[in-house]
Amino acid sequence: MREFITVYFRVLQLIWLVHGNFQVCHARVSQKKKRQWSAREKLMIIAYYEQGHSKQSTADKFEIEPIQLREWLRNKDQLMKVAPYVQKLV
């Protein structure tokens, strides 16, 4: 009986130590920052797409949304006016 009481009190001490040192962790939720792509980068991604890759595979490779790629494709002429030196890269 004496051993039982000793073990019981040791278990209580361990429980108290564990709960006494327990700290509540709060998850930190951070907002994603919007990435900004230069005209040159956009045109290089468009060139990759035009080499025969699908919109989805291109979007996955460069970690963008397919709708973002469609917008860039639609505005390709304006991008070329902003960065005409990229014509040599394509």
C-alpha atoms as a PDB file:
ATOM      1  CA  MET A   1       0.000   0.000   0.000  1.00  0.00           C
ATOM      2  CA  ARG A   2       2.841   2.340   0.809  1.00  0.00           C
ATOM      3  CA  GLU A   3       4.384   1.814  -2.650  1.00  0.00           C
ATOM      4  CA  PHE A   4       1.042   2.553  -4.253  1.00  0.00           C
ATOM      5  CA  ILE A   5       0.757   5.882  -2.436  1.00  0.00           C
ATOM      6  CA  THR A   6       4.333   6.801  -3.369  1.00  0.00           C
ATOM      7  CA  VAL A   7       3.724   6.001  -7.036  1.00  0.00           C
ATOM      8  CA  TYR A   8       0.389   7.845  -6.926  1.00  0.00           C
ATOM      9  CA  PHE A   9       2.027  11.010  -5.571  1.00  0.00           C
ATOM     10  CA  ARG A  10       4.812  10.803  -8.158  1.00  0.00           C
ATOM     11  CA  VAL A  11       2.227  10.576 -10.922  1.00  0.00           C
ATOM     12  CA  LEU A  12       0.409  13.587  -9.464  1.00  0.00           C
ATOM     13  CA  GLN A  13       3.695  15.513  -9.335  1.00  0.00           C
ATOM     14  CA  LEU A  14       4.412  14.669 -12.970  1.00  0.00           C
ATOM     15  CA  ILE A  15       0.919  15.732 -14.017  1.00  0.00           C
ATOM     16  CA  TRP A  16       1.325  18.994 -12.124  1.00  0.00           C
ATOM     17  CA  LEU A  17       4.751  19.597 -13.704  1.00  0.00           C
ATOM     18  CA  VAL A  18       3.467  18.899 -17.185  1.00  0.00           C
ATOM     19  CA  HIS A  19       0.397  21.080 -16.808  1.00  0.00           C
ATOM     20  CA  GLY A  20       2.319  23.759 -14.943  1.00  0.00           C
ATOM     21  CA  ASN A  21       4.845  24.103 -17.773  1.00  0.00           C
ATOM     22  CA  PHE A  22       2.318  23.809 -20.562  1.00  0.00           C
ATOM     23  CA  GLN A  23       2.133  26.907 -22.733  1.00  0.00           C
ATOM     24  CA  VAL A  24      -0.689  27.666 -25.069  1.00  0.00           C
ATOM     25  CA  CYS A  25       0.547  28.099 -28.627  1.00  0.00           C
ATOM     26  CA  HIS A  26      -1.415  30.363 -30.895  1.00  0.00           C
ATOM     27  CA  ALA A  27      -1.269  29.842 -34.619  1.00  0.00           C
ATOM     28  CA  ARG A  28      -0.042  32.849 -36.506  1.00  0.00           C
ATOM     29  CA  VAL A  29      -1.989  33.632 -39.597  1.00  0.00           C
ATOM     30  CA  SER A  30      -0.094  35.773 -42.029  1.00  0.00           C
ATOM     31  CA  GLN A  31      -1.437  37.257 -45.175  1.00  0.00           C
ATOM     32  CA  LYS A  32       0.200  36.431 -48.456  1.00  0.00           C
ATOM     33  CA  LYS A  33       2.002  39.295 -50.029  1.00  0.00           C
ATOM     34  CA  LYS A  34       1.156  39.936 -53.627  1.00  0.00           C
ATOM     35  CA  ARG A  35       4.066  39.240 -55.893  1.00  0.00           C
ATOM     36  CA  GLN A  36       4.843  41.823 -58.484  1.00  0.00           C
ATOM     37  CA  TRP A  37       6.044  40.692 -61.870  1.00  0.00           C
ATOM     38  CA  SER A  38       7.991  42.968 -64.175  1.00  0.00           C
ATOM     39  CA  ALA A  39       7.003  43.252 -67.832  1.00  0.00           C
ATOM     40  CA  ARG A  40      10.127  41.282 -68.749  1.00  0.00           C
ATOM     41  CA  GLU A  41       9.203  38.421 -66.397  1.00  0.00           C
ATOM     42  CA  LYS A  42       5.641  38.344 -67.697  1.00  0.00           C
ATOM     43  CA  LEU A  43       6.846  38.173 -71.288  1.00  0.00           C
ATOM     44  CA  MET A  44       9.292  35.400 -70.458  1.00  0.00           C
ATOM     45  CA  ILE A  45       6.464  33.379 -68.886  1.00  0.00           C
ATOM     46  CA  ILE A  46       4.324  34.038 -71.971  1.00  0.00           C
ATOM     47  CA  ALA A  47       7.219  32.836 -74.159  1.00  0.00           C
ATOM     48  CA  TYR A  48       7.411  29.638 -72.097  1.00  0.00           C
ATOM     49  CA  TYR A  49       3.680  29.098 -72.656  1.00  0.00           C
ATOM     50  CA  GLU A  50       4.008  29.751 -76.388  1.00  0.00           C
ATOM     51  CA  GLN A  51       6.687  27.061 -76.695  1.00  0.00           C
ATOM     52  CA  GLY A  52       3.878  24.514 -76.438  1.00  0.00           C
ATOM     53  CA  HIS A  53       3.203  24.181 -72.718  1.00  0.00           C
ATOM     54  CA  SER A  54      -0.354  24.227 -71.417  1.00  0.00           C
ATOM     55  CA  LYS A  55      -1.701  27.142 -69.405  1.00  0.00           C
ATOM     56  CA  GLN A  56      -2.059  24.964 -66.322  1.00  0.00           C
ATOM     57  CA  SER A  57       1.478  23.547 -66.493  1.00  0.00           C
ATOM     58  CA  THR A  58       2.897  27.034 -67.083  1.00  0.00           C
ATOM     59  CA  ALA A  59       0.923  28.414 -64.150  1.00  0.00           C
ATOM     60  CA  ASP A  60       2.090  25.562 -61.926  1.00  0.00           C
ATOM     61  CA  LYS A  61       5.731  25.980 -62.927  1.00  0.00           C
ATOM     62  CA  PHE A  62       5.792  29.691 -62.129  1.00  0.00           C
ATOM     63  CA  GLU A  63       3.368  29.442 -59.172  1.00  0.00           C
ATOM     64  CA  ILE A  64       0.738  31.749 -60.610  1.00  0.00           C
ATOM     65  CA  GLU A  65      -2.953  31.322 -61.255  1.00  0.00           C
ATOM     66  CA  PRO A  66      -4.056  30.353 -64.790  1.00  0.00           C
ATOM     67  CA  ILE A  67      -6.365  33.374 -64.885  1.00  0.00           C
ATOM     68  CA  GLN A  68      -3.347  35.597 -64.276  1.00  0.00           C
ATOM     69  CA  LEU A  69      -1.603  34.037 -67.285  1.00  0.00           C
ATOM     70  CA  ARG A  70      -4.713  34.600 -69.414  1.00  0.00           C
ATOM     71  CA  GLU A  71      -4.698  38.283 -68.424  1.00  0.00           C
ATOM     72  CA  TRP A  72      -1.048  38.594 -69.420  1.00  0.00           C
ATOM     73  CA  LEU A  73      -1.728  36.882 -72.752  1.00  0.00           C
ATOM     74  CA  ARG A  74      -4.567  39.283 -73.422  1.00  0.00           C
ATOM     75  CA  ASN A  75      -2.314  42.269 -72.601  1.00  0.00           C
ATOM     76  CA  LYS A  76       0.761  40.986 -74.446  1.00  0.00           C
ATOM     77  CA  ASP A  77       0.803  43.904 -76.915  1.00  0.00           C
ATOM     78  CA  GLN A  78       0.858  46.434 -74.079  1.00  0.00           C
ATOM     79  CA  LEU A  79       3.631  44.500 -72.337  1.00  0.00           C
ATOM     80  CA  MET A  80       5.697  44.552 -75.535  1.00  0.00           C
ATOM     81  CA  LYS A  81       5.358  48.340 -75.703  1.00  0.00           C
ATOM     82  CA  VAL A  82       6.599  48.657 -72.137  1.00  0.00           C
ATOM     83  CA  ALA A  83       9.546  46.300 -72.627  1.00  0.00           C
ATOM     84  CA  PRO A  84      10.427  46.190 -76.354  1.00  0.00           C
ATOM     85  CA  TYR A  85      13.918  44.817 -75.642  1.00  0.00           C
ATOM     86  CA  VAL A  86      12.341  41.471 -74.740  1.00  0.00           C
ATOM     87  CA  GLN A  87      11.595  40.769 -78.414  1.00  0.00           C
ATOM     88  CA  LYS A  88      15.189  39.606 -78.721  1.00  0.00           C
ATOM     89  CA  LEU A  89      14.649  37.093 -75.895  1.00  0.00           C
ATOM     90  CA  VAL A  90      11.540  35.594 -77.475  1.00  0.00           C
END
